[in-house]
Protein backbone atom coordinates (compact mmCIF):
# COMPACT_ATOMS: atom_id res chain seq x y z
CA UNK A 1 0.11 0.12 0.32
CA UNK A 2 1.23 3.51 -0.77
CA UNK A 3 1.46 6.08 2.03
CA UNK A 4 -1.61 8.23 2.69
CA UNK A 5 -2.21 11.32 0.79
CA UNK A 6 -2.86 13.47 4.19
CA UNK A 7 -0.31 12.84 7.21
CA UNK A 8 -2.74 12.09 10.20
CA UNK A 9 -1.67 15.13 11.97
CA UNK A 10 -3.66 17.31 9.66
CA UNK A 11 -6.85 15.72 10.81
CA UNK A 12 -9.12 17.62 13.46
CA UNK A 13 -10.12 14.12 14.96
CA UNK A 14 -8.31 14.21 18.09
CA UNK A 15 -9.06 11.26 19.29
CA UNK A 16 -6.65 9.21 16.97
CA UNK A 17 -3.93 6.96 18.27
CA UNK A 18 -0.81 9.29 18.96
CA UNK A 19 -2.44 12.81 18.15
CA UNK A 20 -2.61 13.72 22.16
CA UNK A 21 1.06 13.11 22.33
CA UNK A 22 1.81 15.21 19.03
CA UNK A 23 -0.14 17.96 20.58
CA UNK A 24 1.33 17.58 24.23
CA UNK A 25 4.75 17.72 22.88
CA UNK A 26 4.20 21.24 20.99
CA UNK A 27 2.28 23.00 23.81
CA UNK A 28 4.39 25.78 24.75
CA UNK A 29 3.46 27.72 28.57
CA UNK A 30 4.49 31.11 28.97
CA UNK A 31 3.82 32.40 32.46
CA UNK A 32 4.15 35.64 34.14
CA UNK A 33 7.66 36.95 32.94
CA UNK A 34 8.47 34.36 30.69
CA UNK A 35 11.30 35.84 27.90
CA UNK A 36 9.80 33.81 25.14
CA UNK A 37 6.65 36.29 25.69
CA UNK A 38 9.40 38.64 23.43
CA UNK A 39 9.95 35.89 20.98
CA UNK A 40 6.62 34.91 20.12
CA UNK A 41 4.50 38.29 21.36
CA UNK A 42 4.36 39.75 17.30
CA UNK A 43 3.29 36.39 15.94
CA UNK A 44 0.48 35.67 18.58
CA UNK A 45 -0.81 39.35 18.35
CA UNK A 46 -1.03 39.28 14.62
CA UNK A 47 -3.08 36.02 14.93
CA UNK A 48 -5.47 37.44 17.75
CA UNK A 49 -5.69 40.65 15.46
CA UNK A 50 -6.60 38.51 12.31
CA UNK A 51 -8.92 36.11 14.34
CA UNK A 52 -11.47 39.13 16.02
CA UNK A 53 -11.01 41.37 12.75
CA UNK A 54 -14.91 39.93 11.89
CA UNK A 55 -15.50 40.92 15.43
CA UNK A 56 -14.72 44.45 15.74
CA UNK A 57 -11.14 44.02 16.95
CA UNK A 58 -9.97 42.58 20.26
CA UNK A 59 -10.06 44.96 23.53
CA UNK A 60 -9.29 45.16 26.97
CA UNK A 61 -6.29 45.34 28.80
CA UNK A 62 -3.35 43.86 27.76
CA UNK A 63 -4.14 43.78 23.53
CA UNK A 64 -2.93 47.33 22.75
CA UNK A 65 0.30 45.27 21.46
CA UNK A 66 2.55 42.48 21.82
CA UNK A 67 4.25 44.22 24.46
CA UNK A 68 1.02 45.24 26.45
CA UNK A 69 0.13 41.42 26.04
CA UNK A 70 3.34 40.21 27.53
CA UNK A 71 2.79 42.74 30.35
CA UNK A 72 -0.52 42.15 31.21
CA UNK A 73 -1.61 38.62 30.31
CA UNK A 74 0.18 36.14 32.55
CA UNK A 75 -0.40 33.03 30.96
CA UNK A 76 -0.15 32.10 27.20
CA UNK A 77 -0.70 28.58 26.02
CA UNK A 78 1.04 28.00 22.59
CA UNK A 79 0.62 25.09 20.00
CA UNK A 80 3.84 24.84 17.78
CA UNK A 81 3.80 23.34 14.47
CA UNK A 82 7.48 23.34 12.98
CA UNK A 83 8.51 27.07 13.01
CA UNK A 84 4.82 28.67 13.59
CA UNK A 85 2.58 28.93 16.22
CA UNK A 86 -0.74 27.69 15.21
CA UNK A 87 -2.97 27.82 18.49
CA UNK A 88 -2.67 30.52 21.25
CA UNK A 89 -5.05 30.56 24.12
CA UNK A 90 -4.28 33.11 26.83
CA UNK A 91 -5.48 33.47 30.40
CA UNK A 92 -5.91 36.19 33.02
CA UNK A 93 -6.00 35.59 36.93
CA UNK A 94 -9.47 37.13 37.53
CA UNK A 95 -10.92 34.92 40.37
CA UNK A 96 -9.08 32.04 38.81
CA UNK A 97 -7.66 30.95 35.35
CA UNK A 98 -9.96 32.65 32.98
CA UNK A 99 -9.86 32.44 29.28
CA UNK A 100 -9.74 36.11 27.55
CA UNK A 101 -8.79 35.16 24.04
CA UNK A 102 -7.85 32.36 21.98
CA UNK A 103 -7.10 32.55 18.27
CA UNK A 104 -5.62 29.72 15.38
CA UNK A 105 -3.63 30.51 12.27
CA UNK A 106 -6.83 28.89 10.08
CA UNK A 107 -5.14 25.36 9.50
CA UNK A 108 -6.30 22.36 10.70
CA UNK A 109 -3.45 21.93 13.16
CA UNK A 110 -4.62 25.08 14.91
CA UNK A 111 -7.89 24.30 15.17
CA UNK A 112 -7.08 20.84 16.14
CA UNK A 113 -4.84 22.27 18.95
CA UNK A 114 -7.44 24.59 20.11
CA UNK A 115 -10.13 22.00 20.38
CA UNK A 116 -7.83 19.80 22.55
CA UNK A 117 -7.14 23.04 24.82
CA UNK A 118 -10.58 23.52 25.30
CA UNK A 119 -11.25 19.93 25.90
CA UNK A 120 -8.59 19.38 28.84
CA UNK A 121 -9.48 22.72 30.44
CA UNK A 122 -13.21 21.51 30.66
CA UNK A 123 -12.06 17.62 31.48
CA UNK A 124 -9.48 18.94 34.39
CA UNK A 125 -11.56 21.71 35.37
CA UNK A 126 -8.46 23.72 35.20
CA UNK A 127 -10.03 27.05 34.09
CA UNK A 128 -13.20 28.88 33.25
CA UNK A 129 -14.15 31.54 30.40
CA UNK A 130 -17.03 33.35 28.22
CA UNK A 131 -18.28 31.90 25.36
CA UNK A 132 -20.14 33.90 22.37
CA UNK A 133 -20.45 34.18 18.83
CA UNK A 134 -17.67 32.43 16.97
CA UNK A 135 -16.03 30.88 20.02
CA UNK A 136 -19.31 29.45 21.18
CA UNK A 137 -20.09 28.12 18.07
CA UNK A 138 -16.67 26.47 17.54
CA UNK A 139 -16.81 25.10 20.68
CA UNK A 140 -20.19 23.58 20.56
CA UNK A 141 -19.69 22.27 17.40
CA UNK A 142 -16.35 20.41 18.70
CA UNK A 143 -16.89 19.38 22.25
CA UNK A 144 -20.77 18.89 21.71
CA UNK A 145 -24.01 20.40 23.63
CA UNK A 146 -23.95 17.85 26.50
CA UNK A 147 -20.25 18.79 27.46
CA UNK A 148 -21.11 22.62 27.33
CA UNK A 149 -24.36 21.42 29.70
CA UNK A 150 -22.24 20.04 32.06
CA UNK A 151 -19.95 22.30 32.58
CA UNK A 152 -21.87 25.80 32.06
CA UNK A 153 -23.28 27.50 34.68
CA UNK A 154 -27.07 28.62 34.83
CA UNK A 155 -28.53 32.11 34.57
CA UNK A 156 -29.56 32.13 38.03
CA UNK A 157 -25.87 30.92 39.10
CA UNK A 158 -23.99 33.60 36.68
CA UNK A 159 -26.53 36.42 38.47
CA UNK A 160 -25.00 34.99 41.62
CA UNK A 161 -21.39 35.28 40.36
CA UNK A 162 -22.11 38.63 39.43
CA UNK A 163 -23.75 39.97 42.16
CA UNK A 164 -21.89 43.31 43.50
CA UNK A 165 -19.38 43.27 40.53
CA UNK A 166 -21.77 44.44 38.00
CA UNK A 167 -25.28 43.85 36.15
CA UNK A 168 -26.16 40.85 33.89
CA UNK A 169 -29.46 40.64 32.43
CA UNK A 170 -31.48 37.74 30.54
CA UNK A 171 -31.24 37.99 26.74
CA UNK A 172 -34.75 38.37 24.65
CA UNK A 173 -36.07 35.36 22.78
CA UNK A 174 -35.29 36.70 19.46
CA UNK A 175 -31.46 37.65 20.82
CA UNK A 176 -29.45 35.86 17.70
CA UNK A 177 -27.07 33.68 20.05
CA UNK A 178 -30.72 32.70 21.62
CA UNK A 179 -31.88 31.87 18.12
CA UNK A 180 -28.87 30.08 17.30
CA UNK A 181 -28.22 27.76 20.52
CA UNK A 182 -31.68 27.48 22.05
CA UNK A 183 -30.39 24.51 24.03
CA UNK A 184 -28.74 27.08 26.23
CA UNK A 185 -31.86 29.47 26.77
CA UNK A 186 -31.93 29.03 30.69
CA UNK A 187 -27.71 29.96 30.73
CA UNK A 188 -27.33 32.61 28.20
CA UNK A 189 -26.83 36.09 30.15
CA UNK A 190 -26.12 39.62 29.20
CA UNK A 191 -23.52 42.07 30.29
CA UNK A 192 -22.07 45.08 28.93
CA UNK A 193 -18.41 45.24 27.09
CA UNK A 194 -17.74 48.75 26.87
CA UNK A 195 -20.87 50.39 25.52
CA UNK A 196 -22.76 47.15 24.35
CA UNK A 197 -24.49 44.28 25.75
CA UNK A 198 -23.04 41.10 24.80
CA UNK A 199 -24.81 37.48 25.21
CA UNK A 200 -22.64 34.85 26.57
CA UNK A 201 -22.62 31.54 27.81
CA UNK A 202 -19.93 30.85 31.12
CA UNK A 203 -18.31 27.60 31.01
CA UNK A 204 -15.62 25.82 33.32
CA UNK A 205 -14.33 26.19 37.00
CA UNK A 206 -14.07 29.49 39.14
CA UNK A 207 -10.75 29.78 41.81
CA UNK A 208 -8.26 27.55 39.75
CA UNK A 209 -4.98 29.80 39.77
CA UNK A 210 -2.36 30.10 37.00
CA UNK A 211 0.35 28.80 38.99
C-alpha cells in the first residue's frame, strides 16, 4: 500500500492514536515574565488581530500591542507546528484562571490544538471563561452540547457570581445567540462590554490559579 495522501496530524479528529502525544509535545506554556513572550509576541498578537477582526477587533487591557500583551496577560498556552505558532489561548487571573482570548492560524493543526486545549481545560477543571459568537459555535461544534451543559453555569448561578460586581440581564427570545443555540436558553446572560450588551455563556470552574 502507498502512503496516505494526508498525514494523520492534519486531521481534526483528536481521538486518533498518537494525536494527543503529538499536541502535548508542542504545547508551550508562557507564564508571567517568561522571556519567550518577546519572541512569540508579534506572531501571537497578529494571529489574535486576524481572528477578532470580524468581531470588531480585540479590546481590553493587555491587547494594545505585543508588549502590552506580555506585560498584562500572565499566561499564554501555545501550540507550535514546525517553526510557526498555530494556536494561542491566553489567560488572566480573575478569580481564577480565565480564558480571555483564543486564536488559530486557520489551519487544521491550529483548530485541532484549540479543541484539545478547550477539552482538557474542561476535563481537568483548570480554567473558566465566557463563550459567545464564533468561539461558542466552535466550542459547541467540537465538544458537543452535552459537554457544554455539564460544564456551564445557569443564568441564576451567573447572576449570583456577578452580584455586587456588575449588572447582568437575561437576553430576549429573539437574541441571535438564543435563536442560534436554543439549548442554552436557561444559561445565556448579557453583560456590558464597553458600550454594548453582549450575550454570553459561562463555562468551566472558577478559582483555579494560574500557578
